C-alpha cells in the first residue's frame, strides 16, 4: 500500500433534525440518493475502500456499512466506529449531504497528492469555504492521527464537538467557493439545489434516464462507457453554461472527453478543474 493511499468514511447516521427528521442520506438529487453520490465520488477520487457509517439502507454501494455507538452519537463517534474498518494510511471523511461531492472529493485528492509531493502533508487537508468556515467533514486525514485523537477521548467521543478533536491536528486548509462546499441540511437547501439544477440545465432529467443512450452511443462509436459518469459530465456542462455561455457547455464537455482520452487525468478531477476555470472566467468577464 502506497504512502499516499486513502480510504473513505461517509457519515450518514445523523437524525436529519433540520430536515424535519427526514432520512438525509436517502434524499434525491438528480435522481440519485445523496449518500450514493458521495460514495461514488469518493471512489472516483481514488478511495480504495468506502465505508458508510449509518443505517444499513445507506450503505448499499459501500464496501461496508456499520453504526456508530451509540446511534446518533455524532460525527466523532461515527469516525471512531469506522476507523477499525480501514487499513490505508490516510482517511477521507465526507458528510453524506454534500451538494457537489465529486468536486469536493477530487479537490481534496488533488490537494492531498500535492502536499505529499511537497513533503508537507502534516496530518491532512480539509476545506475552508469563502466565508472562512472550516468544513471538518470534508477532509483527508492521517489515519493514525484520527485513531489517536479518538482514543484519547475514549467514551467521551459520543456527541463531542468535532473541532475539539480535529482542531488539534496539523491540517492544511484548502480554500474553495461556497458553491463547492455547500451541503443540504434543510428543506430550503434541498429545494435550492433542485431549483438550481432545473434553472441551469433546463428540463430536469436524472442521469439514469440517459444510461440507455450512453450505452447505445458508446457501442456505436466503439467506446467503453464504464469510464463515463453521467452526473459528473452534466455537472461540468451546467457550470460552464451558467458561468460562460450555454453554447460553451457542449464544447467544453467535448474537450473534457479529449482530455480524459488523452490520459490527462481522471474524469472527476478534470471536471473539477474545468468547473473552477469556468468560475474564474465569470469573475474575469463580469459584463459578458
C-alpha atoms as a PDB file:
ATOM      1  CA  UNK A   1       0.000   0.000   0.000  1.00  0.00           C
ATOM      2  CA  UNK A   2       1.469   3.348  -1.045  1.00  0.00           C
ATOM      3  CA  UNK A   3       2.154   6.087   1.490  1.00  0.00           C
ATOM      4  CA  UNK A   4      -0.480   8.328  -0.082  1.00  0.00           C
ATOM      5  CA  UNK A   5      -3.272   5.785  -0.491  1.00  0.00           C
ATOM      6  CA  UNK A   6      -6.550   6.653   1.173  1.00  0.00           C
ATOM      7  CA  UNK A   7      -9.846   5.017   2.024  1.00  0.00           C
ATOM      8  CA  UNK A   8     -13.060   6.808   2.887  1.00  0.00           C
ATOM      9  CA  UNK A   9     -15.665   7.183   5.610  1.00  0.00           C
ATOM     10  CA  UNK A  10     -19.049   8.563   4.562  1.00  0.00           C
ATOM     11  CA  UNK A  11     -21.049   9.807   7.537  1.00  0.00           C
ATOM     12  CA  UNK A  12     -24.755   9.105   7.071  1.00  0.00           C
ATOM     13  CA  UNK A  13     -26.047   8.465  10.572  1.00  0.00           C
ATOM     14  CA  UNK A  14     -27.473  11.835  11.551  1.00  0.00           C
ATOM     15  CA  UNK A  15     -31.036  12.423  12.703  1.00  0.00           C
ATOM     16  CA  UNK A  16     -31.803  14.920   9.929  1.00  0.00           C
ATOM     17  CA  UNK A  17     -33.384  17.145  12.582  1.00  0.00           C
ATOM     18  CA  UNK A  18     -33.096  20.289  10.460  1.00  0.00           C
ATOM     19  CA  UNK A  19     -34.887  18.388   7.703  1.00  0.00           C
ATOM     20  CA  UNK A  20     -37.785  17.520   9.982  1.00  0.00           C
ATOM     21  CA  UNK A  21     -36.394  14.080  10.756  1.00  0.00           C
ATOM     22  CA  UNK A  22     -36.127  13.047   7.104  1.00  0.00           C
ATOM     23  CA  UNK A  23     -33.626  10.394   6.034  1.00  0.00           C
ATOM     24  CA  UNK A  24     -30.964  12.789   4.774  1.00  0.00           C
ATOM     25  CA  UNK A  25     -28.893  10.071   3.110  1.00  0.00           C
ATOM     26  CA  UNK A  26     -31.910   8.936   1.091  1.00  0.00           C
ATOM     27  CA  UNK A  27     -32.898  12.331  -0.299  1.00  0.00           C
ATOM     28  CA  UNK A  28     -32.775  12.508  -4.075  1.00  0.00           C
ATOM     29  CA  UNK A  29     -30.831  14.984  -6.193  1.00  0.00           C
ATOM     30  CA  UNK A  30     -30.606  14.411  -9.940  1.00  0.00           C
ATOM     31  CA  UNK A  31     -32.455  11.170  -9.358  1.00  0.00           C
ATOM     32  CA  UNK A  32     -29.797   9.711  -7.051  1.00  0.00           C
ATOM     33  CA  UNK A  33     -29.626   9.398  -3.287  1.00  0.00           C
ATOM     34  CA  UNK A  34     -27.275  11.878  -1.625  1.00  0.00           C
ATOM     35  CA  UNK A  35     -25.289   9.106   0.061  1.00  0.00           C
ATOM     36  CA  UNK A  36     -24.798   7.207  -3.210  1.00  0.00           C
ATOM     37  CA  UNK A  37     -23.452  10.321  -4.899  1.00  0.00           C
ATOM     38  CA  UNK A  38     -20.881  10.746  -2.106  1.00  0.00           C
ATOM     39  CA  UNK A  39     -19.818   7.077  -2.120  1.00  0.00           C
ATOM     40  CA  UNK A  40     -19.352   7.240  -5.877  1.00  0.00           C
ATOM     41  CA  UNK A  41     -17.395  10.498  -5.640  1.00  0.00           C
ATOM     42  CA  UNK A  42     -15.007   9.021  -3.057  1.00  0.00           C
ATOM     43  CA  UNK A  43     -14.304   6.015  -5.267  1.00  0.00           C
ATOM     44  CA  UNK A  44     -13.740   8.110  -8.359  1.00  0.00           C
ATOM     45  CA  UNK A  45     -11.359  10.362  -6.439  1.00  0.00           C
ATOM     46  CA  UNK A  46      -9.227   7.327  -5.615  1.00  0.00           C
ATOM     47  CA  UNK A  47     -10.522   5.778  -2.371  1.00  0.00           C
ATOM     48  CA  UNK A  48      -9.644   2.075  -2.361  1.00  0.00           C
ATOM     49  CA  UNK A  49     -12.365   1.261   0.171  1.00  0.00           C
ATOM     50  CA  UNK A  50     -15.503   3.156   1.181  1.00  0.00           C
ATOM     51  CA  UNK A  51     -17.293   2.604   4.487  1.00  0.00           C
ATOM     52  CA  UNK A  52     -20.648   4.186   5.286  1.00  0.00           C
ATOM     53  CA  UNK A  53     -21.499   4.931   8.903  1.00  0.00           C
ATOM     54  CA  UNK A  54     -25.271   4.880   9.238  1.00  0.00           C
ATOM     55  CA  UNK A  55     -28.284   2.602   8.785  1.00  0.00           C
ATOM     56  CA  UNK A  56     -27.949  -0.478   6.608  1.00  0.00           C
ATOM     57  CA  UNK A  57     -30.086   1.133   3.916  1.00  0.00           C
ATOM     58  CA  UNK A  58     -27.466   3.872   3.430  1.00  0.00           C
ATOM     59  CA  UNK A  59     -24.619   1.527   2.558  1.00  0.00           C
ATOM     60  CA  UNK A  60     -25.899  -0.329  -0.494  1.00  0.00           C
ATOM     61  CA  UNK A  61     -22.994   0.912  -2.665  1.00  0.00           C
ATOM     62  CA  UNK A  62     -20.322   0.813   0.064  1.00  0.00           C
ATOM     63  CA  UNK A  63     -17.759  -1.871   0.864  1.00  0.00           C
ATOM     64  CA  UNK A  64     -19.083  -1.954   4.429  1.00  0.00           C
ATOM     65  CA  UNK A  65     -21.773  -0.252   6.482  1.00  0.00           C
ATOM     66  CA  UNK A  66     -21.903  -0.025  10.260  1.00  0.00           C
ATOM     67  CA  UNK A  67     -23.398   2.084  13.018  1.00  0.00           C
ATOM     68  CA  UNK A  68     -21.766   4.440  15.476  1.00  0.00           C
ATOM     69  CA  UNK A  69     -22.095   3.645  19.180  1.00  0.00           C
ATOM     70  CA  UNK A  70     -24.386   4.983  20.420  1.00  0.00           C
ATOM     71  CA  UNK A  71     -26.577   5.570  17.353  1.00  0.00           C
ATOM     72  CA  UNK A  72     -26.846   9.287  16.580  1.00  0.00           C
ATOM     73  CA  UNK A  73     -23.704   9.795  18.664  1.00  0.00           C
ATOM     74  CA  UNK A  74     -22.370  12.459  16.341  1.00  0.00           C
ATOM     75  CA  UNK A  75     -19.659  12.643  13.694  1.00  0.00           C
ATOM     76  CA  UNK A  76     -16.743  11.849  16.020  1.00  0.00           C
ATOM     77  CA  UNK A  77     -18.473   8.679  17.216  1.00  0.00           C
ATOM     78  CA  UNK A  78     -19.079   7.786  13.565  1.00  0.00           C
ATOM     79  CA  UNK A  79     -15.426   8.334  12.667  1.00  0.00           C
ATOM     80  CA  UNK A  80     -14.286   6.275  15.663  1.00  0.00           C
ATOM     81  CA  UNK A  81     -16.642   3.458  14.678  1.00  0.00           C
ATOM     82  CA  UNK A  82     -15.413   3.382  11.100  1.00  0.00           C
ATOM     83  CA  UNK A  83     -11.658   3.514  11.681  1.00  0.00           C
ATOM     84  CA  UNK A  84     -11.282  -0.215  12.535  1.00  0.00           C
ATOM     85  CA  UNK A  85     -12.606  -0.989   9.031  1.00  0.00           C
ATOM     86  CA  UNK A  86      -9.790   0.957   7.360  1.00  0.00           C
ATOM     87  CA  UNK A  87      -6.185  -0.047   6.626  1.00  0.00           C
ATOM     88  CA  UNK A  88      -4.892   2.814   4.459  1.00  0.00           C
ATOM     89  CA  UNK A  89      -2.514   5.444   5.890  1.00  0.00           C
ATOM     90  CA  UNK A  90      -4.994   8.213   5.027  1.00  0.00           C
ATOM     91  CA  UNK A  91      -8.745   8.549   5.533  1.00  0.00           C
ATOM     92  CA  UNK A  92     -11.089  10.735   3.517  1.00  0.00           C
ATOM     93  CA  UNK A  93     -14.028  11.866   5.656  1.00  0.00           C
ATOM     94  CA  UNK A  94     -17.134  13.099   3.845  1.00  0.00           C
ATOM     95  CA  UNK A  95     -20.606  14.048   5.027  1.00  0.00           C
ATOM     96  CA  UNK A  96     -23.397  12.378   3.088  1.00  0.00           C
ATOM     97  CA  UNK A  97     -25.176  15.655   2.340  1.00  0.00           C
ATOM     98  CA  UNK A  98     -22.599  17.363   0.124  1.00  0.00           C
ATOM     99  CA  UNK A  99     -24.250  19.093  -2.812  1.00  0.00           C
ATOM    100  CA  UNK A 100     -21.187  18.687  -5.062  1.00  0.00           C
ATOM    101  CA  UNK A 101     -19.396  15.592  -3.744  1.00  0.00           C
ATOM    102  CA  UNK A 102     -17.419  14.943  -6.943  1.00  0.00           C
ATOM    103  CA  UNK A 103     -15.902  18.427  -6.844  1.00  0.00           C
ATOM    104  CA  UNK A 104     -15.144  18.126  -3.111  1.00  0.00           C
ATOM    105  CA  UNK A 105     -13.568  14.671  -3.296  1.00  0.00           C
ATOM    106  CA  UNK A 106     -11.470  15.420  -6.376  1.00  0.00           C
ATOM    107  CA  UNK A 107     -10.261  18.741  -4.921  1.00  0.00           C
ATOM    108  CA  UNK A 108      -9.237  17.040  -1.680  1.00  0.00           C
ATOM    109  CA  UNK A 109      -7.466  14.222  -3.520  1.00  0.00           C
ATOM    110  CA  UNK A 110      -5.530  16.693  -5.678  1.00  0.00           C
ATOM    111  CA  UNK A 111      -4.514  18.813  -2.669  1.00  0.00           C
ATOM    112  CA  UNK A 112      -3.507  15.687  -0.753  1.00  0.00           C
ATOM    113  CA  UNK A 113      -1.323  14.473  -3.625  1.00  0.00           C
ATOM    114  CA  UNK A 114       0.296  17.894  -3.965  1.00  0.00           C
ATOM    115  CA  UNK A 115       1.031  18.081  -0.229  1.00  0.00           C
ATOM    116  CA  UNK A 116       2.631  14.634  -0.270  1.00  0.00           C
ATOM    117  CA  UNK A 117       4.760  15.581  -3.260  1.00  0.00           C
ATOM    118  CA  UNK A 118       5.972  18.685  -1.414  1.00  0.00           C
ATOM    119  CA  UNK A 119       6.646  16.732   1.788  1.00  0.00           C
ATOM    120  CA  UNK A 120       4.178  18.940   3.649  1.00  0.00           C
ATOM    121  CA  UNK A 121       1.245  16.622   4.270  1.00  0.00           C
ATOM    122  CA  UNK A 122       1.135  17.058   8.056  1.00  0.00           C
ATOM    123  CA  UNK A 123      -1.990  15.408   9.435  1.00  0.00           C
ATOM    124  CA  UNK A 124      -4.067  16.142   6.350  1.00  0.00           C
ATOM    125  CA  UNK A 125      -6.089  18.694   4.431  1.00  0.00           C
ATOM    126  CA  UNK A 126      -9.677  19.944   4.700  1.00  0.00           C
ATOM    127  CA  UNK A 127     -11.893  22.511   3.020  1.00  0.00           C
ATOM    128  CA  UNK A 128     -12.383  26.120   4.073  1.00  0.00           C
ATOM    129  CA  UNK A 129     -15.246  27.965   2.397  1.00  0.00           C
ATOM    130  CA  UNK A 130     -15.227  31.552   1.151  1.00  0.00           C
ATOM    131  CA  UNK A 131     -16.668  32.789   4.455  1.00  0.00           C
ATOM    132  CA  UNK A 132     -13.797  31.226   6.386  1.00  0.00           C
ATOM    133  CA  UNK A 133     -15.798  28.313   7.794  1.00  0.00           C
ATOM    134  CA  UNK A 134     -13.829  25.096   8.280  1.00  0.00           C
ATOM    135  CA  UNK A 135     -15.502  22.033   6.771  1.00  0.00           C
ATOM    136  CA  UNK A 136     -14.429  19.319   9.203  1.00  0.00           C
ATOM    137  CA  UNK A 137     -16.458  16.667   7.389  1.00  0.00           C
ATOM    138  CA  UNK A 138     -14.767  17.316   4.050  1.00  0.00           C
ATOM    139  CA  UNK A 139     -11.133  16.351   4.507  1.00  0.00           C
ATOM    140  CA  UNK A 140      -8.379  13.779   4.178  1.00  0.00           C
ATOM    141  CA  UNK A 141      -6.727  12.913   7.496  1.00  0.00           C
ATOM    142  CA  UNK A 142      -3.765  10.826   8.576  1.00  0.00           C
ATOM    143  CA  UNK A 143      -5.427   7.650   9.854  1.00  0.00           C
ATOM    144  CA  UNK A 144      -3.051   7.258  12.806  1.00  0.00           C
ATOM    145  CA  UNK A 145      -3.772  10.815  13.908  1.00  0.00           C
ATOM    146  CA  UNK A 146      -7.523  10.189  13.793  1.00  0.00           C
ATOM    147  CA  UNK A 147      -7.157   6.974  15.789  1.00  0.00           C
ATOM    148  CA  UNK A 148      -5.008   8.629  18.442  1.00  0.00           C
ATOM    149  CA  UNK A 149      -7.330  11.614  18.763  1.00  0.00           C
ATOM    150  CA  UNK A 150     -10.466   9.474  19.100  1.00  0.00           C
ATOM    151  CA  UNK A 151      -8.764   7.055  21.509  1.00  0.00           C
ATOM    152  CA  UNK A 152      -7.763   9.949  23.754  1.00  0.00           C
ATOM    153  CA  UNK A 153     -11.433  10.808  24.240  1.00  0.00           C
ATOM    154  CA  UNK A 154     -12.487   7.228  24.977  1.00  0.00           C
ATOM    155  CA  UNK A 155     -16.200   7.038  25.727  1.00  0.00           C
ATOM    156  CA  UNK A 156     -16.294  10.821  25.587  1.00  0.00           C
ATOM    157  CA  UNK A 157     -16.186  10.651  21.789  1.00  0.00           C
ATOM    158  CA  UNK A 158     -20.002  10.461  21.662  1.00  0.00           C
ATOM    159  CA  UNK A 159     -21.543  13.870  20.956  1.00  0.00           C
ATOM    160  CA  UNK A 160     -18.172  15.612  21.377  1.00  0.00           C
ATOM    161  CA  UNK A 161     -17.597  18.676  19.157  1.00  0.00           C
ATOM    162  CA  UNK A 162     -15.624  17.779  16.046  1.00  0.00           C
ATOM    163  CA  UNK A 163     -13.409  20.820  16.488  1.00  0.00           C
ATOM    164  CA  UNK A 164     -12.351  19.512  19.922  1.00  0.00           C
ATOM    165  CA  UNK A 165     -10.545  16.577  18.319  1.00  0.00           C
ATOM    166  CA  UNK A 166      -9.709  17.518  14.756  1.00  0.00           C
ATOM    167  CA  UNK A 167      -8.829  21.097  15.663  1.00  0.00           C
ATOM    168  CA  UNK A 168      -5.680  19.865  17.384  1.00  0.00           C
ATOM    169  CA  UNK A 169      -4.277  18.224  14.256  1.00  0.00           C
ATOM    170  CA  UNK A 170      -1.746  19.738  11.853  1.00  0.00           C
ATOM    171  CA  UNK A 171      -4.083  20.408   8.935  1.00  0.00           C
ATOM    172  CA  UNK A 172      -3.819  22.384   5.739  1.00  0.00           C
ATOM    173  CA  UNK A 173      -6.889  24.382   4.739  1.00  0.00           C
ATOM    174  CA  UNK A 174      -7.942  24.216   1.101  1.00  0.00           C
ATOM    175  CA  UNK A 175      -9.938  27.353   0.161  1.00  0.00           C
ATOM    176  CA  UNK A 176     -12.963  26.746  -2.075  1.00  0.00           C
ATOM    177  CA  UNK A 177     -16.010  28.757  -3.041  1.00  0.00           C
ATOM    178  CA  UNK A 178     -19.249  28.363  -1.128  1.00  0.00           C
ATOM    179  CA  UNK A 179     -20.891  26.629  -4.066  1.00  0.00           C
ATOM    180  CA  UNK A 180     -18.336  23.818  -3.885  1.00  0.00           C
ATOM    181  CA  UNK A 181     -18.570  23.387  -0.119  1.00  0.00           C
ATOM    182  CA  UNK A 182     -22.361  23.671   0.183  1.00  0.00           C
ATOM    183  CA  UNK A 183     -24.377  20.964   1.878  1.00  0.00           C
ATOM    184  CA  UNK A 184     -28.048  20.018   2.008  1.00  0.00           C
ATOM    185  CA  UNK A 185     -29.204  20.084   5.612  1.00  0.00           C
ATOM    186  CA  UNK A 186     -32.516  21.947   5.408  1.00  0.00           C
ATOM    187  CA  UNK A 187     -35.610  21.674   3.187  1.00  0.00           C
ATOM    188  CA  UNK A 188     -34.736  25.099   1.784  1.00  0.00           C
ATOM    189  CA  UNK A 189     -31.221  23.972   0.846  1.00  0.00           C
ATOM    190  CA  UNK A 190     -32.636  20.890  -0.878  1.00  0.00           C
ATOM    191  CA  UNK A 191     -35.135  22.951  -2.841  1.00  0.00           C
ATOM    192  CA  UNK A 192     -32.441  25.467  -3.826  1.00  0.00           C
ATOM    193  CA  UNK A 193     -30.214  22.629  -5.066  1.00  0.00           C
ATOM    194  CA  UNK A 194     -33.033  21.131  -7.110  1.00  0.00           C
ATOM    195  CA  UNK A 195     -34.133  24.510  -8.434  1.00  0.00           C
ATOM    196  CA  UNK A 196     -30.592  25.344  -9.441  1.00  0.00           C
ATOM    197  CA  UNK A 197     -30.413  22.152 -11.466  1.00  0.00           C
ATOM    198  CA  UNK A 198     -33.673  22.990 -13.213  1.00  0.00           C
ATOM    199  CA  UNK A 199     -32.657  26.579 -13.914  1.00  0.00           C
ATOM    200  CA  UNK A 200     -29.200  25.807 -15.276  1.00  0.00           C
ATOM    201  CA  UNK A 201     -29.919  22.639 -17.215  1.00  0.00           C
ATOM    202  CA  UNK A 202     -33.454  23.311 -18.448  1.00  0.00           C
ATOM    203  CA  UNK A 203     -35.766  20.302 -18.226  1.00  0.00           C
ATOM    204  CA  UNK A 204     -34.798  18.162 -15.241  1.00  0.00           C
ATOM    205  CA  UNK A 205     -33.646  14.733 -16.290  1.00  0.00           C
ATOM    206  CA  UNK A 206     -31.918  12.339 -13.888  1.00  0.00           C
ATOM    207  CA  UNK A 207     -28.626  10.812 -15.075  1.00  0.00           C
ATOM    208  CA  UNK A 208     -30.015   7.274 -15.091  1.00  0.00           C
ATOM    209  CA  UNK A 209     -32.518   8.318 -17.746  1.00  0.00           C
ATOM    210  CA  UNK A 210     -29.549   8.748 -20.081  1.00  0.00           C
ATOM    211  CA  UNK A 211     -27.852   5.425 -19.332  1.00  0.00           C
ATOM    212  CA  UNK A 212     -29.507   3.599 -22.235  1.00  0.00           C
ATOM    213  CA  UNK A 213     -28.427   6.337 -24.658  1.00  0.00           C
ATOM    214  CA  UNK A 214     -24.898   6.314 -23.225  1.00  0.00           C
ATOM    215  CA  UNK A 215     -24.644   2.570 -23.820  1.00  0.00           C
ATOM    216  CA  UNK A 216     -26.017   2.859 -27.373  1.00  0.00           C
ATOM    217  CA  UNK A 217     -23.841   5.816 -28.320  1.00  0.00           C
ATOM    218  CA  UNK A 218     -20.703   4.250 -26.836  1.00  0.00           C
ATOM    219  CA  UNK A 219     -21.346   0.997 -28.701  1.00  0.00           C
ATOM    220  CA  UNK A 220     -21.857   2.889 -31.964  1.00  0.00           C
ATOM    221  CA  UNK A 221     -18.511   4.658 -31.507  1.00  0.00           C
ATOM    222  CA  UNK A 222     -16.798   1.510 -30.190  1.00  0.00           C
ATOM    223  CA  UNK A 223     -16.038   3.147 -26.847  1.00  0.00           C
ATOM    224  CA  UNK A 224     -16.069   1.860 -23.278  1.00  0.00           C
ATOM    225  CA  UNK A 225     -18.945   3.549 -21.435  1.00  0.00           C
ATOM    226  CA  UNK A 226     -17.837   2.311 -17.994  1.00  0.00           C
ATOM    227  CA  UNK A 227     -15.474   5.270 -17.549  1.00  0.00           C
ATOM    228  CA  UNK A 228     -18.247   7.827 -18.119  1.00  0.00           C
ATOM    229  CA  UNK A 229     -20.028   9.217 -15.067  1.00  0.00           C
ATOM    230  CA  UNK A 230     -23.075  10.978 -16.450  1.00  0.00           C
ATOM    231  CA  UNK A 231     -23.641  13.132 -13.368  1.00  0.00           C
ATOM    232  CA  UNK A 232     -20.058  14.436 -13.424  1.00  0.00           C
ATOM    233  CA  UNK A 233     -20.256  15.346 -17.125  1.00  0.00           C
ATOM    234  CA  UNK A 234     -23.601  17.086 -16.638  1.00  0.00           C
ATOM    235  CA  UNK A 235     -22.222  18.957 -13.630  1.00  0.00           C
ATOM    236  CA  UNK A 236     -19.359  20.321 -15.720  1.00  0.00           C
ATOM    237  CA  UNK A 237     -21.740  21.296 -18.531  1.00  0.00           C
ATOM    238  CA  UNK A 238     -24.078  23.020 -16.074  1.00  0.00           C
ATOM    239  CA  UNK A 239     -21.380  25.223 -14.579  1.00  0.00           C
ATOM    240  CA  UNK A 240     -19.872  26.156 -17.950  1.00  0.00           C
ATOM    241  CA  UNK A 241     -23.326  27.025 -19.295  1.00  0.00           C
ATOM    242  CA  UNK A 242     -24.022  29.205 -16.274  1.00  0.00           C
ATOM    243  CA  UNK A 243     -20.629  30.903 -15.909  1.00  0.00           C
ATOM    244  CA  UNK A 244     -19.549  31.214 -19.572  1.00  0.00           C
ATOM    245  CA  UNK A 245     -22.374  30.654 -22.087  1.00  0.00           C
ATOM    246  CA  UNK A 246     -24.779  27.874 -22.961  1.00  0.00           C
ATOM    247  CA  UNK A 247     -23.053  27.072 -26.302  1.00  0.00           C
ATOM    248  CA  UNK A 248     -19.793  26.649 -24.369  1.00  0.00           C
ATOM    249  CA  UNK A 249     -21.206  23.652 -22.486  1.00  0.00           C
ATOM    250  CA  UNK A 250     -21.089  21.032 -25.300  1.00  0.00           C
ATOM    251  CA  UNK A 251     -17.762  22.427 -26.499  1.00  0.00           C
ATOM    252  CA  UNK A 252     -16.296  22.107 -23.006  1.00  0.00           C
ATOM    253  CA  UNK A 253     -17.571  18.582 -22.411  1.00  0.00           C
ATOM    254  CA  UNK A 254     -16.053  17.577 -25.759  1.00  0.00           C
ATOM    255  CA  UNK A 255     -12.727  18.976 -24.569  1.00  0.00           C
ATOM    256  CA  UNK A 256     -13.202  17.147 -21.267  1.00  0.00           C
ATOM    257  CA  UNK A 257     -13.608  13.877 -23.178  1.00  0.00           C
ATOM    258  CA  UNK A 258     -10.478  14.568 -25.215  1.00  0.00           C
ATOM    259  CA  UNK A 259      -8.519  15.251 -22.022  1.00  0.00           C
ATOM    260  CA  UNK A 260      -9.678  12.033 -20.361  1.00  0.00           C
ATOM    261  CA  UNK A 261      -8.991  10.020 -23.515  1.00  0.00           C
ATOM    262  CA  UNK A 262      -5.506  11.520 -23.758  1.00  0.00           C
ATOM    263  CA  UNK A 263      -4.636  10.408 -20.250  1.00  0.00           C
ATOM    264  CA  UNK A 264      -4.525  13.922 -18.762  1.00  0.00           C
ATOM    265  CA  UNK A 265      -6.294  12.734 -15.616  1.00  0.00           C
ATOM    266  CA  UNK A 266      -9.487  11.132 -14.336  1.00  0.00           C
ATOM    267  CA  UNK A 267     -12.948  12.423 -15.177  1.00  0.00           C
ATOM    268  CA  UNK A 268     -13.754  13.725 -11.674  1.00  0.00           C
ATOM    269  CA  UNK A 269     -10.502  15.638 -11.299  1.00  0.00           C
ATOM    270  CA  UNK A 270     -10.568  17.157 -14.773  1.00  0.00           C
ATOM    271  CA  UNK A 271     -14.230  18.079 -14.368  1.00  0.00           C
ATOM    272  CA  UNK A 272     -13.486  19.907 -11.104  1.00  0.00           C
ATOM    273  CA  UNK A 273     -10.598  21.706 -12.816  1.00  0.00           C
ATOM    274  CA  UNK A 274     -12.838  22.762 -15.702  1.00  0.00           C
ATOM    275  CA  UNK A 275     -15.574  23.971 -13.334  1.00  0.00           C
ATOM    276  CA  UNK A 276     -13.077  26.043 -11.371  1.00  0.00           C
ATOM    277  CA  UNK A 277     -11.860  27.611 -14.640  1.00  0.00           C
ATOM    278  CA  UNK A 278     -15.459  28.441 -15.555  1.00  0.00           C
ATOM    279  CA  UNK A 279     -15.920  30.231 -12.227  1.00  0.00           C
ATOM    280  CA  UNK A 280     -12.739  32.228 -12.818  1.00  0.00           C
ATOM    281  CA  UNK A 281     -13.947  33.082 -16.330  1.00  0.00           C
ATOM    282  CA  UNK A 282     -17.127  34.580 -14.888  1.00  0.00           C
ATOM    283  CA  UNK A 283     -15.080  36.687 -12.498  1.00  0.00           C
ATOM    284  CA  UNK A 284     -12.756  37.830 -15.294  1.00  0.00           C
ATOM    285  CA  UNK A 285     -15.608  38.722 -17.684  1.00  0.00           C
ATOM    286  CA  UNK A 286     -18.367  40.175 -15.466  1.00  0.00           C
ATOM    287  CA  UNK A 287     -20.023  42.102 -18.268  1.00  0.00           C
ATOM    288  CA  UNK A 288     -20.289  39.285 -20.789  1.00  0.00           C
END
